[in-house]
Protein backbone atom coordinates (compact mmCIF):
# COMPACT_ATOMS: atom_id res chain seq x y z
CA UNK A 1 0.00 0.00 0.00
CA UNK A 2 2.78 2.41 0.95
CA UNK A 3 4.80 1.56 -2.14
CA UNK A 4 1.81 2.16 -4.43
CA UNK A 5 1.08 5.47 -2.69
CA UNK A 6 4.70 6.56 -3.04
CA UNK A 7 4.64 5.56 -6.72
CA UNK A 8 1.46 7.55 -7.37
CA UNK A 9 2.83 10.60 -5.57
CA UNK A 10 6.11 10.44 -7.47
CA UNK A 11 4.50 9.87 -10.87
CA UNK A 12 2.03 12.66 -10.15
CA UNK A 13 4.84 15.00 -9.14
CA UNK A 14 6.74 14.17 -12.34
CA UNK A 15 3.61 14.79 -14.41
CA UNK A 16 3.16 18.04 -12.51
CA UNK A 17 6.67 19.11 -13.52
CA UNK A 18 5.72 18.51 -17.13
CA UNK A 19 2.56 20.60 -16.73
CA UNK A 20 4.64 23.31 -15.06
CA UNK A 21 7.11 23.49 -17.93
CA UNK A 22 4.26 23.69 -20.43
CA UNK A 23 2.30 26.35 -18.53
CA UNK A 24 4.73 28.64 -16.72
CA UNK A 25 5.49 30.63 -19.87
CA UNK A 26 1.80 31.40 -20.36
CA UNK A 27 1.47 32.38 -16.72
CA UNK A 28 4.33 34.85 -17.09
CA UNK A 29 3.16 36.39 -20.38
CA UNK A 30 -0.49 36.49 -19.38
CA UNK A 31 0.18 37.79 -15.88
CA UNK A 32 2.90 40.29 -16.76
CA UNK A 33 1.91 41.40 -20.25
CA UNK A 34 -1.87 40.96 -19.96
CA UNK A 35 -1.92 39.13 -23.29
CA UNK A 36 -4.22 36.12 -23.74
CA UNK A 37 -2.10 33.79 -25.85
CA UNK A 38 -4.13 30.64 -26.49
CA UNK A 39 -1.49 29.60 -29.02
CA UNK A 40 0.99 28.94 -26.22
CA UNK A 41 0.83 25.17 -26.75
CA UNK A 42 1.57 25.73 -30.44
CA UNK A 43 4.99 26.96 -29.28
CA UNK A 44 5.28 23.75 -27.27
CA UNK A 45 4.52 21.82 -30.44
CA UNK A 46 7.26 23.73 -32.28
CA UNK A 47 9.81 22.53 -29.73
CA UNK A 48 8.42 19.00 -29.73
CA UNK A 49 8.61 18.61 -33.49
CA UNK A 50 12.06 20.21 -33.54
CA UNK A 51 13.27 17.50 -31.18
CA UNK A 52 11.45 14.78 -33.13
CA UNK A 53 13.03 15.94 -36.41
CA UNK A 54 16.55 16.28 -35.02
CA UNK A 55 16.46 12.90 -33.26
CA UNK A 56 14.50 10.87 -35.80
CA UNK A 57 15.66 12.36 -39.09
CA UNK A 58 19.13 13.74 -38.35
CA UNK A 59 20.36 11.41 -35.62
CA UNK A 60 21.00 14.02 -32.93
CA UNK A 61 21.30 12.86 -29.30
CA UNK A 62 18.11 13.57 -27.38
CA UNK A 63 19.72 15.87 -24.82
CA UNK A 64 21.40 17.94 -27.55
CA UNK A 65 18.00 18.69 -29.08
CA UNK A 66 16.53 20.23 -25.92
CA UNK A 67 18.34 23.59 -26.25
CA UNK A 68 17.35 23.65 -29.92
CA UNK A 69 13.71 23.04 -28.98
CA UNK A 70 13.90 26.03 -26.64
CA UNK A 71 15.55 28.21 -29.28
CA UNK A 72 13.17 27.18 -32.09
CA UNK A 73 10.08 27.97 -30.02
CA UNK A 74 11.61 31.22 -28.73
CA UNK A 75 12.43 32.39 -32.26
CA UNK A 76 8.93 31.63 -33.54
CA UNK A 77 7.37 33.37 -30.56
CA UNK A 78 9.51 36.48 -31.12
CA UNK A 79 8.60 36.57 -34.82
CA UNK A 80 4.90 36.38 -33.98
CA UNK A 81 5.24 38.92 -31.18
CA UNK A 82 7.08 41.44 -33.35
CA UNK A 83 4.83 41.05 -36.39
CA UNK A 84 1.36 40.20 -35.09
CA UNK A 85 0.91 40.02 -31.33
CA UNK A 86 2.17 43.51 -30.54
CA UNK A 87 -0.68 44.92 -32.65
CA UNK A 88 -3.15 43.31 -30.25
CA UNK A 89 -1.73 44.40 -26.90
CA UNK A 90 -4.45 47.04 -26.55
CA UNK A 91 -7.16 44.87 -28.12
CA UNK A 92 -9.95 43.26 -26.11
CA UNK A 93 -9.56 39.84 -24.52
CA UNK A 94 -12.04 38.43 -27.02
CA UNK A 95 -9.99 39.69 -29.98
CA UNK A 96 -6.83 38.21 -28.51
CA UNK A 97 -8.56 34.87 -27.87
CA UNK A 98 -10.03 34.64 -31.36
CA UNK A 99 -6.76 35.59 -33.04
CA UNK A 100 -4.56 33.21 -31.07
CA UNK A 101 -6.96 30.26 -31.27
CA UNK A 102 -6.86 30.79 -35.04
CA UNK A 103 -3.09 30.36 -34.88
CA UNK A 104 -3.64 27.07 -33.02
CA UNK A 105 -5.76 25.66 -35.85
CA UNK A 106 -3.26 26.90 -38.44
CA UNK A 107 -0.39 25.20 -36.60
CA UNK A 108 -2.36 21.94 -36.39
CA UNK A 109 -2.96 21.98 -40.15
CA UNK A 110 0.67 22.84 -40.93
CA UNK A 111 2.14 20.05 -38.81
CA UNK A 112 -0.43 17.56 -40.04
CA UNK A 113 0.64 18.41 -43.61
CA UNK A 114 4.36 17.98 -42.99
CA UNK A 115 4.37 15.21 -40.34
CA UNK A 116 1.01 13.43 -40.95
CA UNK A 117 -1.45 12.81 -38.13
CA UNK A 118 0.32 9.73 -36.77
CA UNK A 119 1.50 9.53 -33.19
CA UNK A 120 5.27 10.15 -32.98
CA UNK A 121 7.92 9.18 -30.46
CA UNK A 122 11.64 9.77 -29.92
CA UNK A 123 14.57 7.62 -28.88
CA UNK A 124 16.04 8.61 -25.51
CA UNK A 125 19.44 7.58 -24.09
CA UNK A 126 19.67 4.21 -22.38
CA UNK A 127 20.30 5.83 -18.99
CA UNK A 128 16.89 7.52 -19.21
CA UNK A 129 15.19 4.18 -19.70
CA UNK A 130 14.40 1.69 -16.97
CA UNK A 131 13.85 2.55 -13.34
CA UNK A 132 15.51 2.88 -9.96
CA UNK A 133 14.33 0.44 -7.30
CA UNK A 134 14.21 1.34 -3.62
CA UNK A 135 12.87 -1.61 -1.69
CA UNK A 136 9.45 -2.43 -3.12
CA UNK A 137 9.21 0.99 -4.80
CA UNK A 138 10.18 1.73 -8.39
CA UNK A 139 10.90 5.16 -9.88
CA UNK A 140 11.23 5.57 -13.65
CA UNK A 141 14.51 7.19 -14.72
CA UNK A 142 12.81 9.53 -17.18
CA UNK A 143 10.43 10.81 -14.53
CA UNK A 144 13.36 11.44 -12.18
CA UNK A 145 14.96 13.42 -15.01
CA UNK A 146 11.76 15.47 -15.43
CA UNK A 147 11.66 16.27 -11.73
CA UNK A 148 15.27 17.45 -11.72
CA UNK A 149 14.75 19.61 -14.83
CA UNK A 150 11.53 21.08 -13.45
CA UNK A 151 13.07 22.00 -10.09
CA UNK A 152 16.15 23.52 -11.75
CA UNK A 153 14.05 25.67 -14.09
CA UNK A 154 11.81 26.79 -11.23
CA UNK A 155 14.81 27.99 -9.25
CA UNK A 156 16.31 29.73 -12.30
CA UNK A 157 13.03 31.51 -13.11
CA UNK A 158 12.56 32.74 -9.55
CA UNK A 159 16.10 34.14 -9.57
CA UNK A 160 15.61 35.72 -13.00
CA UNK A 161 12.31 37.43 -12.22
CA UNK A 162 12.92 38.34 -8.59
CA UNK A 163 16.68 38.94 -8.35
CA UNK A 164 17.91 40.39 -11.64
CA UNK A 165 17.79 43.77 -13.33
CA UNK A 166 15.84 42.27 -16.21
CA UNK A 167 13.16 40.98 -13.87
CA UNK A 168 12.89 44.37 -12.20
CA UNK A 169 12.53 46.07 -15.60
CA UNK A 170 9.77 43.69 -16.67
CA UNK A 171 7.87 44.17 -13.41
CA UNK A 172 8.22 47.94 -13.70
CA UNK A 173 7.02 47.90 -17.31
CA UNK A 174 3.97 45.89 -16.33
CA UNK A 175 3.06 48.09 -13.37
CA UNK A 176 3.40 51.41 -15.20
CA UNK A 177 4.60 51.53 -18.79
CA UNK A 178 4.72 55.33 -19.00
CA UNK A 179 6.83 55.64 -15.85
CA UNK A 180 9.10 52.81 -17.02
CA UNK A 181 9.71 54.53 -20.34
CA UNK A 182 10.45 57.76 -18.49
CA UNK A 183 13.13 55.94 -16.51
CA UNK A 184 14.78 54.79 -19.73
CA UNK A 185 13.51 51.22 -19.76
CA UNK A 186 12.98 49.79 -23.22
CA UNK A 187 9.50 48.38 -22.61
CA UNK A 188 9.13 46.81 -26.07
CA UNK A 189 12.44 45.01 -25.72
CA UNK A 190 11.55 43.77 -22.22
CA UNK A 191 8.25 42.41 -23.48
CA UNK A 192 9.95 40.77 -26.46
CA UNK A 193 12.42 38.92 -24.23
CA UNK A 194 9.63 37.94 -21.85
CA UNK A 195 7.63 36.50 -24.73
CA UNK A 196 10.72 34.68 -26.02
CA UNK A 197 11.33 33.19 -22.57
CA UNK A 198 7.72 32.03 -22.28
CA UNK A 199 7.71 30.52 -25.77
CA UNK A 200 11.09 28.86 -25.26
CA UNK A 201 9.99 27.22 -22.02
CA UNK A 202 6.88 25.94 -23.79
CA UNK A 203 9.10 24.47 -26.52
CA UNK A 204 11.28 22.78 -23.93
CA UNK A 205 8.21 21.38 -22.19
CA UNK A 206 6.88 20.10 -25.49
CA UNK A 207 10.15 18.34 -26.27
CA UNK A 208 10.25 16.69 -22.85
CA UNK A 209 6.62 15.61 -23.08
CA UNK A 210 7.04 13.38 -26.15
CA UNK A 211 8.40 10.45 -24.16
CA UNK A 212 5.49 10.60 -21.68
CA UNK A 213 2.42 11.54 -23.72
CA UNK A 214 3.47 11.15 -27.35
CA UNK A 215 3.18 13.73 -30.12
CA UNK A 216 0.72 14.45 -32.90
CA UNK A 217 -0.57 17.66 -34.52
CA UNK A 218 -3.49 17.96 -32.08
CA UNK A 219 -1.04 18.45 -29.19
CA UNK A 220 -1.50 22.25 -29.30
CA UNK A 221 -5.22 21.87 -28.64
CA UNK A 222 -5.26 18.76 -26.45
CA UNK A 223 -3.04 20.23 -23.73
CA UNK A 224 -4.30 23.81 -23.93
CA UNK A 225 -7.01 22.99 -21.37
CA UNK A 226 -4.49 21.59 -18.88
CA UNK A 227 -2.22 24.61 -19.31
CA UNK A 228 -5.10 27.01 -18.75
CA UNK A 229 -6.15 25.09 -15.64
CA UNK A 230 -2.65 25.37 -14.17
CA UNK A 231 -2.50 29.10 -14.90
CA UNK A 232 -5.97 29.73 -13.44
CA UNK A 233 -5.37 27.70 -10.28
CA UNK A 234 -1.84 29.02 -9.73
CA UNK A 235 -2.66 32.69 -10.27
CA UNK A 236 -1.60 35.06 -13.03
CA UNK A 237 2.07 35.97 -13.18
CA UNK A 238 3.07 33.76 -10.26
CA UNK A 239 5.86 31.28 -10.87
CA UNK A 240 5.38 29.76 -7.43
CA UNK A 241 1.65 29.56 -8.03
CA UNK A 242 2.13 27.75 -11.34
CA UNK A 243 4.54 25.33 -9.66
CA UNK A 244 2.16 24.59 -6.78
CA UNK A 245 -0.86 24.27 -9.06
CA UNK A 246 0.97 21.96 -11.47
CA UNK A 247 2.08 19.68 -8.63
CA UNK A 248 -1.38 19.54 -7.03
CA UNK A 249 -3.13 18.93 -10.34
CA UNK A 250 -0.54 16.40 -11.52
CA UNK A 251 -0.84 14.34 -8.34
CA UNK A 252 -4.64 14.65 -8.39
CA UNK A 253 -4.82 13.47 -11.98
CA UNK A 254 -2.51 10.53 -11.36
CA UNK A 255 -4.28 9.55 -8.12
CA UNK A 256 -7.66 9.77 -9.81
CA UNK A 257 -6.61 7.46 -12.63
CA UNK A 258 -5.05 4.99 -10.16
CA UNK A 259 -7.49 4.94 -7.26
CA UNK A 260 -10.70 6.14 -8.95
CA UNK A 261 -10.57 4.84 -12.53
CA UNK A 262 -14.33 5.29 -12.87
CA UNK A 263 -13.73 9.04 -12.59
CA UNK A 264 -10.95 8.96 -15.17
CA UNK A 265 -9.42 12.37 -15.83
CA UNK A 266 -12.46 14.15 -14.39
CA UNK A 267 -10.90 14.44 -10.92
CA UNK A 268 -8.55 17.17 -12.07
CA UNK A 269 -11.56 19.34 -12.92
CA UNK A 270 -13.13 18.70 -9.52
CA UNK A 271 -9.89 19.78 -7.84
CA UNK A 272 -9.77 22.89 -10.03
CA UNK A 273 -13.33 23.88 -9.11
CA UNK A 274 -12.69 23.32 -5.40
CA UNK A 275 -9.47 25.37 -5.41
CA UNK A 276 -11.00 28.24 -7.37
CA UNK A 277 -14.02 28.33 -5.08
CA UNK A 278 -11.60 28.61 -2.17
CA UNK A 279 -9.32 31.16 -3.85
CA UNK A 280 -10.91 32.66 -6.99
CA UNK A 281 -7.74 34.63 -7.80
CA UNK A 282 -5.62 31.46 -7.70
CA UNK A 283 -3.31 30.02 -5.09
CA UNK A 284 -0.75 32.84 -5.32
CA UNK A 285 -2.62 35.28 -7.54
CA UNK A 286 -3.04 38.91 -6.56
CA UNK A 287 -5.84 39.75 -8.96
């Protein structure tokens, strides 16, 4: 009983780290820039297919493709931000939603054209296969890797946003753009780098998710709901909130599928409703 509970908690935590990587970029851009980017998971799909192409078609090692997944998604996000998104910063939430969900459907069609609609997978190193055994408990190596990556990125993001000059400039630009410009802060550049960071993290999360959930062109739509749930429960613009929400929801989803299979994936929605009834602004949200 204890070994199964420990396994569920660990697998749920690992799944939560994956949800965190996929959603934290949207939490940052939505909370700091007030831009509703429903195409966030399309950036994740960019990174995922970049990894799939480099590993499957060009023989790159899996780990070497992860920085490229981040860069590919960041570059695409910057291109869209500079050419299209910046024109909608002052638009209504509805306009932003309609525009970005249109990009989602375009990305699905594009990837279906070039990669077909088949489920794809990637080859990972041998040391990421198998599991570590501690007594009667077993912990998959790849899930351990996800946990380590998720914790490292969380710490790096907190330091970047809370302890660096760049983070201070972004927070100042969000609070009062006119005052920030008066102080000599390049608000457009700060927003561009913030968008690139959010898109790059989504790309990295997409690349890491292939081994766990697979990859097909509907990825951008299938995981959009989970990403939005994490952002809503965690609170806008809160890295800690996204982390806590992803962990709670990941464990809830895994526990529901293991202990309450008749509920299926519905338990995660029950947890979301309960948490938002308790704290409508999210776990760490301020507004």
